[in-house]
Amino acid sequence: MGFKTRFRELRESRGLSQAATDEVFGLMRGTCSNWENGFSEPEEELIEDIARFFGVRIRDLVEEA
């Protein structure tokens, strides 16, 4: 599955828009869009915060299925 797909699923399951998610994590507008489209990925420290926010293990967030 990979980060971009899993992140989108988790974000949508919480009913969050990309813009709202950018705000939750204090990101520049469009950052979540870039992640979900595979243009970039978050820094390692932020991945930990994302996993904690969504209540998943880091490896479940980043590993290919």
C-alpha atoms as a PDB file:
ATOM      1  CA  MET A   1       0.000   0.000   0.000  1.00  0.00           C
ATOM      2  CA  GLY A   2       2.629   2.546   1.000  1.00  0.00           C
ATOM      3  CA  PHE A   3       2.535   5.859   2.789  1.00  0.00           C
ATOM      4  CA  LYS A   4       0.585   7.936   0.268  1.00  0.00           C
ATOM      5  CA  THR A   5      -2.338   5.507   0.063  1.00  0.00           C
ATOM      6  CA  ARG A   6      -2.457   4.696   3.769  1.00  0.00           C
ATOM      7  CA  PHE A   7      -2.227   8.356   4.734  1.00  0.00           C
ATOM      8  CA  ARG A   8      -5.138   9.240   2.451  1.00  0.00           C
ATOM      9  CA  GLU A   9      -7.252   6.412   3.879  1.00  0.00           C
ATOM     10  CA  LEU A  10      -6.565   7.502   7.443  1.00  0.00           C
ATOM     11  CA  ARG A  11      -7.212  11.171   6.680  1.00  0.00           C
ATOM     12  CA  GLU A  12     -10.492  10.418   4.936  1.00  0.00           C
ATOM     13  CA  SER A  13     -11.581   8.036   7.709  1.00  0.00           C
ATOM     14  CA  ARG A  14     -11.369  10.984  10.097  1.00  0.00           C
ATOM     15  CA  GLY A  15     -13.351  13.181   7.702  1.00  0.00           C
ATOM     16  CA  LEU A  16     -10.455  15.597   7.299  1.00  0.00           C
ATOM     17  CA  SER A  17      -9.783  17.585   4.160  1.00  0.00           C
ATOM     18  CA  GLN A  18      -6.215  17.951   2.965  1.00  0.00           C
ATOM     19  CA  ALA A  19      -6.266  21.604   4.040  1.00  0.00           C
ATOM     20  CA  ALA A  20      -7.546  20.723   7.508  1.00  0.00           C
ATOM     21  CA  THR A  21      -4.861  18.063   7.857  1.00  0.00           C
ATOM     22  CA  ASP A  22      -2.196  20.567   6.841  1.00  0.00           C
ATOM     23  CA  GLU A  23      -3.446  22.784   9.663  1.00  0.00           C
ATOM     24  CA  VAL A  24      -3.509  19.951  12.222  1.00  0.00           C
ATOM     25  CA  PHE A  25       0.177  19.272  11.629  1.00  0.00           C
ATOM     26  CA  GLY A  26       1.202  22.900  11.097  1.00  0.00           C
ATOM     27  CA  LEU A  27       2.156  22.333   7.472  1.00  0.00           C
ATOM     28  CA  MET A  28       2.243  24.636   4.489  1.00  0.00           C
ATOM     29  CA  ARG A  29      -0.897  24.495   2.368  1.00  0.00           C
ATOM     30  CA  GLY A  30      -0.691  21.707  -0.206  1.00  0.00           C
ATOM     31  CA  THR A  31       1.749  19.532   1.720  1.00  0.00           C
ATOM     32  CA  CYS A  32      -0.743  16.699   2.259  1.00  0.00           C
ATOM     33  CA  SER A  33      -1.655  16.837  -1.402  1.00  0.00           C
ATOM     34  CA  ASN A  34       2.004  16.427  -2.307  1.00  0.00           C
ATOM     35  CA  TRP A  35       2.266  13.399  -0.013  1.00  0.00           C
ATOM     36  CA  GLU A  36      -0.855  11.754  -1.394  1.00  0.00           C
ATOM     37  CA  ASN A  37       0.296  12.310  -4.976  1.00  0.00           C
ATOM     38  CA  GLY A  38       3.728  10.865  -4.231  1.00  0.00           C
ATOM     39  CA  PHE A  39       5.655  14.092  -4.855  1.00  0.00           C
ATOM     40  CA  SER A  40       7.164  14.059  -1.375  1.00  0.00           C
ATOM     41  CA  GLU A  41       6.994  12.326   1.989  1.00  0.00           C
ATOM     42  CA  PRO A  42       7.139  13.712   5.527  1.00  0.00           C
ATOM     43  CA  GLU A  43      10.295  13.833   7.597  1.00  0.00           C
ATOM     44  CA  GLU A  44      10.824  10.919   9.989  1.00  0.00           C
ATOM     45  CA  GLU A  45       9.903  12.964  13.081  1.00  0.00           C
ATOM     46  CA  LEU A  46       6.610  13.987  11.503  1.00  0.00           C
ATOM     47  CA  ILE A  47       5.808  10.396  10.540  1.00  0.00           C
ATOM     48  CA  GLU A  48       5.886   9.573  14.248  1.00  0.00           C
ATOM     49  CA  ASP A  49       3.408  12.390  14.951  1.00  0.00           C
ATOM     50  CA  ILE A  50       1.146  11.272  12.103  1.00  0.00           C
ATOM     51  CA  ALA A  51       1.134   7.670  13.330  1.00  0.00           C
ATOM     52  CA  ARG A  52       0.337   8.812  16.868  1.00  0.00           C
ATOM     53  CA  PHE A  53      -2.460  11.119  15.665  1.00  0.00           C
ATOM     54  CA  PHE A  54      -4.135   8.351  13.670  1.00  0.00           C
ATOM     55  CA  GLY A  55      -3.461   5.657  16.276  1.00  0.00           C
ATOM     56  CA  VAL A  56      -1.428   3.359  14.030  1.00  0.00           C
ATOM     57  CA  ARG A  57       2.061   1.895  14.182  1.00  0.00           C
ATOM     58  CA  ILE A  58       4.725   3.648  12.133  1.00  0.00           C
ATOM     59  CA  ARG A  59       5.397   0.539  10.085  1.00  0.00           C
ATOM     60  CA  ASP A  60       1.685   0.236   9.254  1.00  0.00           C
ATOM     61  CA  LEU A  61       1.839   3.776   7.928  1.00  0.00           C
ATOM     62  CA  VAL A  62       4.965   3.511   5.799  1.00  0.00           C
ATOM     63  CA  GLU A  63       5.498  -0.099   4.723  1.00  0.00           C
ATOM     64  CA  GLU A  64       4.299  -1.501   1.429  1.00  0.00           C
ATOM     65  CA  ALA A  65       1.715  -4.236   1.823  1.00  0.00           C
END
